């Protein structure tokens, strides 16, 4: 419901996860995929 919370996770495999930035995007029907958030390899930015 509106006002609530959720926590998404993304488990990675097949490469050195700690060496690459990661991001979250989202898409709703009929719209382009849009940026949500990103983070550097070390969590600094």
ModelCIF file with pLDDT and N, C-alpha, C, O atoms, coordinates in Angstrom:
data_MODEL
#
_entry.id   MODEL 
#
_entity.id                         1 
_entity.type                       polymer 
_entity.pdbx_number_of_molecules   1 
#
_entity_poly.entity_id                      1 
_entity_poly.type                           'polypeptide(L)' 
_entity_poly.nstd_linkage                   no 
_entity_poly.nstd_monomer                   no 
_entity_poly.pdbx_seq_one_letter_code       
;(UNK)(UNK)(UNK)(UNK)(UNK)(UNK)(UNK)(UNK)(UNK)(UNK)(UNK)(UNK)(UNK)(UNK)(UNK)(UNK)
(UNK)(UNK)(UNK)(UNK)(UNK)(UNK)(UNK)(UNK)(UNK)(UNK)(UNK)(UNK)(UNK)(UNK)(UNK)(UNK)
(UNK)(UNK)(UNK)(UNK)(UNK)(UNK)(UNK)(UNK)(UNK)(UNK)(UNK)(UNK)(UNK)
;
_entity_poly.pdbx_seq_one_letter_code_can   XXXXXXXXXXXXXXXXXXXXXXXXXXXXXXXXXXXXXXXXXXXXX 
_entity_poly.pdbx_strand_id                 A 
#
loop_
_entity_poly_seq.entity_id 
_entity_poly_seq.num 
_entity_poly_seq.mon_id 
_entity_poly_seq.hetero 
1 1  UNK n 
1 2  UNK n 
1 3  UNK n 
1 4  UNK n 
1 5  UNK n 
1 6  UNK n 
1 7  UNK n 
1 8  UNK n 
1 9  UNK n 
1 10 UNK n 
1 11 UNK n 
1 12 UNK n 
1 13 UNK n 
1 14 UNK n 
1 15 UNK n 
1 16 UNK n 
1 17 UNK n 
1 18 UNK n 
1 19 UNK n 
1 20 UNK n 
1 21 UNK n 
1 22 UNK n 
1 23 UNK n 
1 24 UNK n 
1 25 UNK n 
1 26 UNK n 
1 27 UNK n 
1 28 UNK n 
1 29 UNK n 
1 30 UNK n 
1 31 UNK n 
1 32 UNK n 
1 33 UNK n 
1 34 UNK n 
1 35 UNK n 
1 36 UNK n 
1 37 UNK n 
1 38 UNK n 
1 39 UNK n 
1 40 UNK n 
1 41 UNK n 
1 42 UNK n 
1 43 UNK n 
1 44 UNK n 
1 45 UNK n 
#
_struct_asym.id          A 
_struct_asym.entity_id   1 
#
loop_
_ma_qa_metric.id 
_ma_qa_metric.mode 
_ma_qa_metric.name 
_ma_qa_metric.software_group_id 
_ma_qa_metric.type 
1 global pLDDT . pLDDT 
2 local  pLDDT . pLDDT 
#
_ma_qa_metric_global.metric_id      1 
_ma_qa_metric_global.metric_value   95.71 
_ma_qa_metric_global.model_id       1 
_ma_qa_metric_global.ordinal_id     1 
#
loop_
_ma_qa_metric_local.label_asym_id 
_ma_qa_metric_local.label_comp_id 
_ma_qa_metric_local.label_seq_id 
_ma_qa_metric_local.metric_id 
_ma_qa_metric_local.metric_value 
_ma_qa_metric_local.model_id 
_ma_qa_metric_local.ordinal_id 
A UNK 1  2 98.00 1 1  
A UNK 2  2 98.00 1 2  
A UNK 3  2 98.00 1 3  
A UNK 4  2 98.00 1 4  
A UNK 5  2 98.00 1 5  
A UNK 6  2 98.00 1 6  
A UNK 7  2 98.00 1 7  
A UNK 8  2 98.00 1 8  
A UNK 9  2 98.00 1 9  
A UNK 10 2 98.00 1 10 
A UNK 11 2 98.00 1 11 
A UNK 12 2 98.00 1 12 
A UNK 13 2 98.00 1 13 
A UNK 14 2 98.00 1 14 
A UNK 15 2 97.00 1 15 
A UNK 16 2 97.00 1 16 
A UNK 17 2 97.00 1 17 
A UNK 18 2 96.00 1 18 
A UNK 19 2 96.00 1 19 
A UNK 20 2 97.00 1 20 
A UNK 21 2 97.00 1 21 
A UNK 22 2 98.00 1 22 
A UNK 23 2 98.00 1 23 
A UNK 24 2 98.00 1 24 
A UNK 25 2 98.00 1 25 
A UNK 26 2 98.00 1 26 
A UNK 27 2 97.00 1 27 
A UNK 28 2 92.00 1 28 
A UNK 29 2 83.00 1 29 
A UNK 30 2 87.00 1 30 
A UNK 31 2 91.00 1 31 
A UNK 32 2 92.00 1 32 
A UNK 33 2 95.00 1 33 
A UNK 34 2 97.00 1 34 
A UNK 35 2 98.00 1 35 
A UNK 36 2 98.00 1 36 
A UNK 37 2 98.00 1 37 
A UNK 38 2 97.00 1 38 
A UNK 39 2 96.00 1 39 
A UNK 40 2 95.00 1 40 
A UNK 41 2 94.00 1 41 
A UNK 42 2 91.00 1 42 
A UNK 43 2 89.00 1 43 
A UNK 44 2 86.00 1 44 
A UNK 45 2 92.00 1 45 
#
loop_
_atom_site.group_PDB 
_atom_site.id 
_atom_site.type_symbol 
_atom_site.label_atom_id 
_atom_site.label_alt_id 
_atom_site.label_comp_id 
_atom_site.label_asym_id 
_atom_site.label_entity_id 
_atom_site.label_seq_id 
_atom_site.pdbx_PDB_ins_code 
_atom_site.Cartn_x 
_atom_site.Cartn_y 
_atom_site.Cartn_z 
_atom_site.occupancy 
_atom_site.B_iso_or_equiv 
_atom_site.pdbx_formal_charge 
_atom_site.auth_seq_id 
_atom_site.auth_comp_id 
_atom_site.auth_asym_id 
_atom_site.auth_atom_id 
_atom_site.pdbx_PDB_model_num 
ATOM 1   N N  . UNK A 1 1  ? 0.839  -1.197  0.000   1.00 98.00 ? 1  UNK A N  1 
ATOM 2   C CA . UNK A 1 1  ? 0.000  0.000   0.000   1.00 98.00 ? 1  UNK A CA 1 
ATOM 3   C C  . UNK A 1 1  ? 0.878  1.252   0.000   1.00 98.00 ? 1  UNK A C  1 
ATOM 4   O O  . UNK A 1 1  ? 2.033  1.228   0.427   1.00 98.00 ? 1  UNK A O  1 
ATOM 5   N N  . UNK A 1 2  ? 0.302  2.327   -0.485  1.00 98.00 ? 2  UNK A N  1 
ATOM 6   C CA . UNK A 1 2  ? 1.016  3.599   -0.493  1.00 98.00 ? 2  UNK A CA 1 
ATOM 7   C C  . UNK A 1 2  ? 1.496  3.937   0.919   1.00 98.00 ? 2  UNK A C  1 
ATOM 8   O O  . UNK A 1 2  ? 0.780  3.754   1.902   1.00 98.00 ? 2  UNK A O  1 
ATOM 9   N N  . UNK A 1 3  ? 2.715  4.431   0.984   1.00 98.00 ? 3  UNK A N  1 
ATOM 10  C CA . UNK A 1 3  ? 3.337  4.739   2.261   1.00 98.00 ? 3  UNK A CA 1 
ATOM 11  C C  . UNK A 1 3  ? 4.170  3.604   2.815   1.00 98.00 ? 3  UNK A C  1 
ATOM 12  O O  . UNK A 1 3  ? 4.921  3.789   3.772   1.00 98.00 ? 3  UNK A O  1 
ATOM 13  N N  . UNK A 1 4  ? 4.042  2.432   2.219   1.00 98.00 ? 4  UNK A N  1 
ATOM 14  C CA . UNK A 1 4  ? 4.772  1.269   2.683   1.00 98.00 ? 4  UNK A CA 1 
ATOM 15  C C  . UNK A 1 4  ? 6.189  1.207   2.155   1.00 98.00 ? 4  UNK A C  1 
ATOM 16  O O  . UNK A 1 4  ? 6.668  2.124   1.487   1.00 98.00 ? 4  UNK A O  1 
ATOM 17  N N  . UNK A 1 5  ? 6.853  0.100   2.471   1.00 98.00 ? 5  UNK A N  1 
ATOM 18  C CA . UNK A 1 5  ? 8.256  -0.093  2.108   1.00 98.00 ? 5  UNK A CA 1 
ATOM 19  C C  . UNK A 1 5  ? 8.472  -1.471  1.503   1.00 98.00 ? 5  UNK A C  1 
ATOM 20  O O  . UNK A 1 5  ? 7.748  -2.426  1.783   1.00 98.00 ? 5  UNK A O  1 
ATOM 21  N N  . UNK A 1 6  ? 9.488  -1.533  0.672   1.00 98.00 ? 6  UNK A N  1 
ATOM 22  C CA . UNK A 1 6  ? 9.955  -2.805  0.118   1.00 98.00 ? 6  UNK A CA 1 
ATOM 23  C C  . UNK A 1 6  ? 11.466 -2.716  -0.031  1.00 98.00 ? 6  UNK A C  1 
ATOM 24  O O  . UNK A 1 6  ? 12.025 -1.631  -0.189  1.00 98.00 ? 6  UNK A O  1 
ATOM 25  N N  . UNK A 1 7  ? 12.117 -3.868  0.020   1.00 98.00 ? 7  UNK A N  1 
ATOM 26  C CA . UNK A 1 7  ? 13.554 -3.931  -0.216  1.00 98.00 ? 7  UNK A CA 1 
ATOM 27  C C  . UNK A 1 7  ? 13.827 -4.922  -1.341  1.00 98.00 ? 7  UNK A C  1 
ATOM 28  O O  . UNK A 1 7  ? 13.528 -6.111  -1.235  1.00 98.00 ? 7  UNK A O  1 
ATOM 29  N N  . UNK A 1 8  ? 14.393 -4.409  -2.402  1.00 98.00 ? 8  UNK A N  1 
ATOM 30  C CA . UNK A 1 8  ? 14.769 -5.256  -3.525  1.00 98.00 ? 8  UNK A CA 1 
ATOM 31  C C  . UNK A 1 8  ? 16.228 -5.674  -3.379  1.00 98.00 ? 8  UNK A C  1 
ATOM 32  O O  . UNK A 1 8  ? 17.050 -4.932  -2.842  1.00 98.00 ? 8  UNK A O  1 
ATOM 33  N N  . UNK A 1 9  ? 16.529 -6.856  -3.858  1.00 98.00 ? 9  UNK A N  1 
ATOM 34  C CA . UNK A 1 9  ? 17.918 -7.310  -3.895  1.00 98.00 ? 9  UNK A CA 1 
ATOM 35  C C  . UNK A 1 9  ? 18.259 -7.761  -5.303  1.00 98.00 ? 9  UNK A C  1 
ATOM 36  O O  . UNK A 1 9  ? 17.387 -8.146  -6.082  1.00 98.00 ? 9  UNK A O  1 
ATOM 37  N N  . UNK A 1 10 ? 19.543 -7.705  -5.610  1.00 98.00 ? 10 UNK A N  1 
ATOM 38  C CA . UNK A 1 10 ? 20.055 -8.113  -6.918  1.00 98.00 ? 10 UNK A CA 1 
ATOM 39  C C  . UNK A 1 10 ? 21.311 -8.922  -6.680  1.00 98.00 ? 10 UNK A C  1 
ATOM 40  O O  . UNK A 1 10 ? 22.360 -8.369  -6.349  1.00 98.00 ? 10 UNK A O  1 
ATOM 41  N N  . UNK A 1 11 ? 21.209 -10.210 -6.844  1.00 98.00 ? 11 UNK A N  1 
ATOM 42  C CA . UNK A 1 11 ? 22.358 -11.089 -6.656  1.00 98.00 ? 11 UNK A CA 1 
ATOM 43  C C  . UNK A 1 11 ? 23.083 -11.267 -7.978  1.00 98.00 ? 11 UNK A C  1 
ATOM 44  O O  . UNK A 1 11 ? 22.479 -11.623 -8.990  1.00 98.00 ? 11 UNK A O  1 
ATOM 45  N N  . UNK A 1 12 ? 24.396 -11.012 -7.957  1.00 98.00 ? 12 UNK A N  1 
ATOM 46  C CA . UNK A 1 12 ? 25.198 -11.062 -9.167  1.00 98.00 ? 12 UNK A CA 1 
ATOM 47  C C  . UNK A 1 12 ? 26.124 -12.273 -9.158  1.00 98.00 ? 12 UNK A C  1 
ATOM 48  O O  . UNK A 1 12 ? 26.582 -12.709 -8.102  1.00 98.00 ? 12 UNK A O  1 
ATOM 49  N N  . UNK A 1 13 ? 26.391 -12.805 -10.335 1.00 98.00 ? 13 UNK A N  1 
ATOM 50  C CA . UNK A 1 13 ? 27.344 -13.903 -10.471 1.00 98.00 ? 13 UNK A CA 1 
ATOM 51  C C  . UNK A 1 13 ? 27.981 -13.845 -11.846 1.00 98.00 ? 13 UNK A C  1 
ATOM 52  O O  . UNK A 1 13 ? 27.457 -13.214 -12.764 1.00 98.00 ? 13 UNK A O  1 
ATOM 53  N N  . UNK A 1 14 ? 29.136 -14.521 -11.975 1.00 98.00 ? 14 UNK A N  1 
ATOM 54  C CA . UNK A 1 14 ? 29.788 -14.629 -13.272 1.00 98.00 ? 14 UNK A CA 1 
ATOM 55  C C  . UNK A 1 14 ? 30.796 -13.546 -13.583 1.00 98.00 ? 14 UNK A C  1 
ATOM 56  O O  . UNK A 1 14 ? 31.371 -13.527 -14.672 1.00 98.00 ? 14 UNK A O  1 
ATOM 57  N N  . UNK A 1 15 ? 31.022 -12.633 -12.632 1.00 97.00 ? 15 UNK A N  1 
ATOM 58  C CA . UNK A 1 15 ? 32.022 -11.595 -12.836 1.00 97.00 ? 15 UNK A CA 1 
ATOM 59  C C  . UNK A 1 15 ? 32.445 -11.070 -11.468 1.00 97.00 ? 15 UNK A C  1 
ATOM 60  O O  . UNK A 1 15 ? 31.866 -11.441 -10.447 1.00 97.00 ? 15 UNK A O  1 
ATOM 61  N N  . UNK A 1 16 ? 33.468 -10.197 -11.453 1.00 97.00 ? 16 UNK A N  1 
ATOM 62  C CA . UNK A 1 16 ? 33.942 -9.635  -10.207 1.00 97.00 ? 16 UNK A CA 1 
ATOM 63  C C  . UNK A 1 16 ? 33.045 -8.474  -9.798  1.00 97.00 ? 16 UNK A C  1 
ATOM 64  O O  . UNK A 1 16 ? 33.258 -7.331  -10.201 1.00 97.00 ? 16 UNK A O  1 
ATOM 65  N N  . UNK A 1 17 ? 32.046 -8.788  -8.996  1.00 97.00 ? 17 UNK A N  1 
ATOM 66  C CA . UNK A 1 17 ? 31.015 -7.817  -8.610  1.00 97.00 ? 17 UNK A CA 1 
ATOM 67  C C  . UNK A 1 17 ? 31.609 -6.541  -8.034  1.00 97.00 ? 17 UNK A C  1 
ATOM 68  O O  . UNK A 1 17 ? 31.143 -5.445  -8.343  1.00 97.00 ? 17 UNK A O  1 
ATOM 69  N N  . UNK A 1 18 ? 32.640 -6.676  -7.192  1.00 96.00 ? 18 UNK A N  1 
ATOM 70  C CA . UNK A 1 18 ? 33.184 -5.528  -6.477  1.00 96.00 ? 18 UNK A CA 1 
ATOM 71  C C  . UNK A 1 18 ? 33.899 -4.530  -7.381  1.00 96.00 ? 18 UNK A C  1 
ATOM 72  O O  . UNK A 1 18 ? 34.277 -3.453  -6.919  1.00 96.00 ? 18 UNK A O  1 
ATOM 73  N N  . UNK A 1 19 ? 34.091 -4.857  -8.649  1.00 96.00 ? 19 UNK A N  1 
ATOM 74  C CA . UNK A 1 19 ? 34.849 -3.988  -9.546  1.00 96.00 ? 19 UNK A CA 1 
ATOM 75  C C  . UNK A 1 19 ? 33.980 -3.093  -10.416 1.00 96.00 ? 19 UNK A C  1 
ATOM 76  O O  . UNK A 1 19 ? 34.510 -2.304  -11.199 1.00 96.00 ? 19 UNK A O  1 
ATOM 77  N N  . UNK A 1 20 ? 32.674 -3.191  -10.302 1.00 97.00 ? 20 UNK A N  1 
ATOM 78  C CA . UNK A 1 20 ? 31.777 -2.476  -11.204 1.00 97.00 ? 20 UNK A CA 1 
ATOM 79  C C  . UNK A 1 20 ? 30.682 -1.742  -10.457 1.00 97.00 ? 20 UNK A C  1 
ATOM 80  O O  . UNK A 1 20 ? 30.170 -2.203  -9.437  1.00 97.00 ? 20 UNK A O  1 
ATOM 81  N N  . UNK A 1 21 ? 30.341 -0.578  -11.001 1.00 97.00 ? 21 UNK A N  1 
ATOM 82  C CA . UNK A 1 21 ? 29.173 0.138   -10.481 1.00 97.00 ? 21 UNK A CA 1 
ATOM 83  C C  . UNK A 1 21 ? 27.909 -0.662  -10.796 1.00 97.00 ? 21 UNK A C  1 
ATOM 84  O O  . UNK A 1 21 ? 27.881 -1.482  -11.713 1.00 97.00 ? 21 UNK A O  1 
ATOM 85  N N  . UNK A 1 22 ? 26.870 -0.397  -10.009 1.00 98.00 ? 22 UNK A N  1 
ATOM 86  C CA . UNK A 1 22 ? 25.579 -1.051  -10.209 1.00 98.00 ? 22 UNK A CA 1 
ATOM 87  C C  . UNK A 1 22 ? 24.482 0.009   -10.217 1.00 98.00 ? 22 UNK A C  1 
ATOM 88  O O  . UNK A 1 22 ? 24.664 1.118   -9.714  1.00 98.00 ? 22 UNK A O  1 
ATOM 89  N N  . UNK A 1 23 ? 23.361 -0.348  -10.788 1.00 98.00 ? 23 UNK A N  1 
ATOM 90  C CA . UNK A 1 23 ? 22.255 0.603   -10.842 1.00 98.00 ? 23 UNK A CA 1 
ATOM 91  C C  . UNK A 1 23 ? 20.921 -0.114  -10.812 1.00 98.00 ? 23 UNK A C  1 
ATOM 92  O O  . UNK A 1 23 ? 20.828 -1.318  -11.053 1.00 98.00 ? 23 UNK A O  1 
ATOM 93  N N  . UNK A 1 24 ? 19.903 0.653   -10.512 1.00 98.00 ? 24 UNK A N  1 
ATOM 94  C CA . UNK A 1 24 ? 18.511 0.210   -10.602 1.00 98.00 ? 24 UNK A CA 1 
ATOM 95  C C  . UNK A 1 24 ? 17.795 1.135   -11.588 1.00 98.00 ? 24 UNK A C  1 
ATOM 96  O O  . UNK A 1 24 ? 17.956 2.355   -11.555 1.00 98.00 ? 24 UNK A O  1 
ATOM 97  N N  . UNK A 1 25 ? 17.011 0.525   -12.451 1.00 98.00 ? 25 UNK A N  1 
ATOM 98  C CA . UNK A 1 25 ? 16.125 1.231   -13.373 1.00 98.00 ? 25 UNK A CA 1 
ATOM 99  C C  . UNK A 1 25 ? 14.728 0.667   -13.172 1.00 98.00 ? 25 UNK A C  1 
ATOM 100 O O  . UNK A 1 25 ? 14.544 -0.345  -12.496 1.00 98.00 ? 25 UNK A O  1 
ATOM 101 N N  . UNK A 1 26 ? 13.749 1.332   -13.763 1.00 98.00 ? 26 UNK A N  1 
ATOM 102 C CA . UNK A 1 26 ? 12.380 0.812   -13.721 1.00 98.00 ? 26 UNK A CA 1 
ATOM 103 C C  . UNK A 1 26 ? 11.660 1.149   -15.013 1.00 98.00 ? 26 UNK A C  1 
ATOM 104 O O  . UNK A 1 26 ? 12.027 2.077   -15.734 1.00 98.00 ? 26 UNK A O  1 
ATOM 105 N N  . UNK A 1 27 ? 10.619 0.364   -15.286 1.00 97.00 ? 27 UNK A N  1 
ATOM 106 C CA . UNK A 1 27 ? 9.812  0.621   -16.480 1.00 97.00 ? 27 UNK A CA 1 
ATOM 107 C C  . UNK A 1 27 ? 8.358  0.327   -16.175 1.00 97.00 ? 27 UNK A C  1 
ATOM 108 O O  . UNK A 1 27 ? 8.017  -0.683  -15.559 1.00 97.00 ? 27 UNK A O  1 
ATOM 109 N N  . UNK A 1 28 ? 7.518  1.234   -16.622 1.00 92.00 ? 28 UNK A N  1 
ATOM 110 C CA . UNK A 1 28 ? 6.075  1.028   -16.564 1.00 92.00 ? 28 UNK A CA 1 
ATOM 111 C C  . UNK A 1 28 ? 5.577  0.810   -17.983 1.00 92.00 ? 28 UNK A C  1 
ATOM 112 O O  . UNK A 1 28 ? 6.206  1.284   -18.929 1.00 92.00 ? 28 UNK A O  1 
ATOM 113 N N  . UNK A 1 29 ? 4.462  0.102   -18.158 1.00 83.00 ? 29 UNK A N  1 
ATOM 114 C CA . UNK A 1 29 ? 3.952  -0.178  -19.502 1.00 83.00 ? 29 UNK A CA 1 
ATOM 115 C C  . UNK A 1 29 ? 3.763  1.094   -20.304 1.00 83.00 ? 29 UNK A C  1 
ATOM 116 O O  . UNK A 1 29 ? 3.187  2.066   -19.816 1.00 83.00 ? 29 UNK A O  1 
ATOM 117 N N  . UNK A 1 30 ? 4.246  1.083   -21.526 1.00 87.00 ? 30 UNK A N  1 
ATOM 118 C CA . UNK A 1 30 ? 4.066  2.223   -22.395 1.00 87.00 ? 30 UNK A CA 1 
ATOM 119 C C  . UNK A 1 30 ? 5.079  3.335   -22.219 1.00 87.00 ? 30 UNK A C  1 
ATOM 120 O O  . UNK A 1 30 ? 5.007  4.361   -22.896 1.00 87.00 ? 30 UNK A O  1 
ATOM 121 N N  . UNK A 1 31 ? 6.033  3.134   -21.302 1.00 91.00 ? 31 UNK A N  1 
ATOM 122 C CA . UNK A 1 31 ? 7.042  4.164   -21.062 1.00 91.00 ? 31 UNK A CA 1 
ATOM 123 C C  . UNK A 1 31 ? 8.429  3.583   -21.229 1.00 91.00 ? 31 UNK A C  1 
ATOM 124 O O  . UNK A 1 31 ? 8.634  2.372   -21.153 1.00 91.00 ? 31 UNK A O  1 
ATOM 125 N N  . UNK A 1 32 ? 9.373  4.477   -21.458 1.00 92.00 ? 32 UNK A N  1 
ATOM 126 C CA . UNK A 1 32 ? 10.766 4.073   -21.535 1.00 92.00 ? 32 UNK A CA 1 
ATOM 127 C C  . UNK A 1 32 ? 11.267 3.668   -20.153 1.00 92.00 ? 32 UNK A C  1 
ATOM 128 O O  . UNK A 1 32 ? 10.763 4.117   -19.124 1.00 92.00 ? 32 UNK A O  1 
ATOM 129 N N  . UNK A 1 33 ? 12.269 2.811   -20.171 1.00 95.00 ? 33 UNK A N  1 
ATOM 130 C CA . UNK A 1 33 ? 12.897 2.461   -18.898 1.00 95.00 ? 33 UNK A CA 1 
ATOM 131 C C  . UNK A 1 33 ? 13.601 3.705   -18.350 1.00 95.00 ? 33 UNK A C  1 
ATOM 132 O O  . UNK A 1 33 ? 14.251 4.437   -19.097 1.00 95.00 ? 33 UNK A O  1 
ATOM 133 N N  . UNK A 1 34 ? 13.466 3.938   -17.049 1.00 97.00 ? 34 UNK A N  1 
ATOM 134 C CA . UNK A 1 34 ? 14.037 5.152   -16.476 1.00 97.00 ? 34 UNK A CA 1 
ATOM 135 C C  . UNK A 1 34 ? 14.971 4.832   -15.325 1.00 97.00 ? 34 UNK A C  1 
ATOM 136 O O  . UNK A 1 34 ? 14.812 3.837   -14.618 1.00 97.00 ? 34 UNK A O  1 
ATOM 137 N N  . UNK A 1 35 ? 15.938 5.698   -15.164 1.00 98.00 ? 35 UNK A N  1 
ATOM 138 C CA . UNK A 1 35 ? 16.942 5.558   -14.113 1.00 98.00 ? 35 UNK A CA 1 
ATOM 139 C C  . UNK A 1 35 ? 16.321 5.769   -12.747 1.00 98.00 ? 35 UNK A C  1 
ATOM 140 O O  . UNK A 1 35 ? 15.457 6.628   -12.567 1.00 98.00 ? 35 UNK A O  1 
ATOM 141 N N  . UNK A 1 36 ? 16.771 4.976   -11.787 1.00 98.00 ? 36 UNK A N  1 
ATOM 142 C CA . UNK A 1 36 ? 16.330 5.129   -10.400 1.00 98.00 ? 36 UNK A CA 1 
ATOM 143 C C  . UNK A 1 36 ? 17.493 5.520   -9.499  1.00 98.00 ? 36 UNK A C  1 
ATOM 144 O O  . UNK A 1 36 ? 17.445 6.546   -8.821  1.00 98.00 ? 36 UNK A O  1 
ATOM 145 N N  . UNK A 1 37 ? 18.542 4.694   -9.494  1.00 98.00 ? 37 UNK A N  1 
ATOM 146 C CA . UNK A 1 37 ? 19.679 4.963   -8.610  1.00 98.00 ? 37 UNK A CA 1 
ATOM 147 C C  . UNK A 1 37 ? 20.894 4.188   -9.089  1.00 98.00 ? 37 UNK A C  1 
ATOM 148 O O  . UNK A 1 37 ? 20.764 3.169   -9.767  1.00 98.00 ? 37 UNK A O  1 
ATOM 149 N N  . UNK A 1 38 ? 22.080 4.679   -8.733  1.00 97.00 ? 38 UNK A N  1 
ATOM 150 C CA . UNK A 1 38 ? 23.316 3.962   -9.066  1.00 97.00 ? 38 UNK A CA 1 
ATOM 151 C C  . UNK A 1 38 ? 24.321 4.127   -7.942  1.00 97.00 ? 38 UNK A C  1 
ATOM 152 O O  . UNK A 1 38 ? 24.216 5.040   -7.124  1.00 97.00 ? 38 UNK A O  1 
ATOM 153 N N  . UNK A 1 39 ? 25.292 3.236   -7.914  1.00 96.00 ? 39 UNK A N  1 
ATOM 154 C CA . UNK A 1 39 ? 26.309 3.282   -6.865  1.00 96.00 ? 39 UNK A CA 1 
ATOM 155 C C  . UNK A 1 39 ? 27.637 2.793   -7.422  1.00 96.00 ? 39 UNK A C  1 
ATOM 156 O O  . UNK A 1 39 ? 27.693 1.827   -8.182  1.00 96.00 ? 39 UNK A O  1 
ATOM 157 N N  . UNK A 1 40 ? 28.713 3.485   -7.026  1.00 95.00 ? 40 UNK A N  1 
ATOM 158 C CA . UNK A 1 40 ? 30.060 3.101   -7.427  1.00 95.00 ? 40 UNK A CA 1 
ATOM 159 C C  . UNK A 1 40 ? 30.426 1.700   -6.922  1.00 95.00 ? 40 UNK A C  1 
ATOM 160 O O  . UNK A 1 40 ? 29.752 1.130   -6.065  1.00 95.00 ? 40 UNK A O  1 
ATOM 161 N N  . UNK A 1 41 ? 31.501 1.177   -7.479  1.00 94.00 ? 41 UNK A N  1 
ATOM 162 C CA . UNK A 1 41 ? 31.997 -0.146  -7.117  1.00 94.00 ? 41 UNK A CA 1 
ATOM 163 C C  . UNK A 1 41 ? 32.216 -0.310  -5.620  1.00 94.00 ? 41 UNK A C  1 
ATOM 164 O O  . UNK A 1 41 ? 31.995 -1.391  -5.075  1.00 94.00 ? 41 UNK A O  1 
ATOM 165 N N  . UNK A 1 42 ? 32.646 0.751   -4.955  1.00 91.00 ? 42 UNK A N  1 
ATOM 166 C CA . UNK A 1 42 ? 32.998 0.654   -3.538  1.00 91.00 ? 42 UNK A CA 1 
ATOM 167 C C  . UNK A 1 42 ? 31.960 1.295   -2.628  1.00 91.00 ? 42 UNK A C  1 
ATOM 168 O O  . UNK A 1 42 ? 32.186 1.435   -1.426  1.00 91.00 ? 42 UNK A O  1 
ATOM 169 N N  . UNK A 1 43 ? 30.825 1.686   -3.197  1.00 89.00 ? 43 UNK A N  1 
ATOM 170 C CA . UNK A 1 43 ? 29.778 2.297   -2.390  1.00 89.00 ? 43 UNK A CA 1 
ATOM 171 C C  . UNK A 1 43 ? 30.030 3.737   -2.011  1.00 89.00 ? 43 UNK A C  1 
ATOM 172 O O  . UNK A 1 43 ? 29.276 4.314   -1.227  1.00 89.00 ? 43 UNK A O  1 
ATOM 173 N N  . UNK A 1 44 ? 31.080 4.328   -2.558  1.00 86.00 ? 44 UNK A N  1 
ATOM 174 C CA . UNK A 1 44 ? 31.446 5.682   -2.155  1.00 86.00 ? 44 UNK A CA 1 
ATOM 175 C C  . UNK A 1 44 ? 30.525 6.742   -2.729  1.00 86.00 ? 44 UNK A C  1 
ATOM 176 O O  . UNK A 1 44 ? 30.294 7.758   -2.074  1.00 86.00 ? 44 UNK A O  1 
ATOM 177 N N  . UNK A 1 45 ? 30.005 6.552   -3.897  1.00 92.00 ? 45 UNK A N  1 
ATOM 178 C CA . UNK A 1 45 ? 29.131 7.538   -4.544  1.00 92.00 ? 45 UNK A CA 1 
ATOM 179 C C  . UNK A 1 45 ? 27.809 6.885   -4.915  1.00 92.00 ? 45 UNK A C  1 
ATOM 180 O O  . UNK A 1 45 ? 26.930 7.543   -5.471  1.00 92.00 ? 45 UNK A O  1 
#
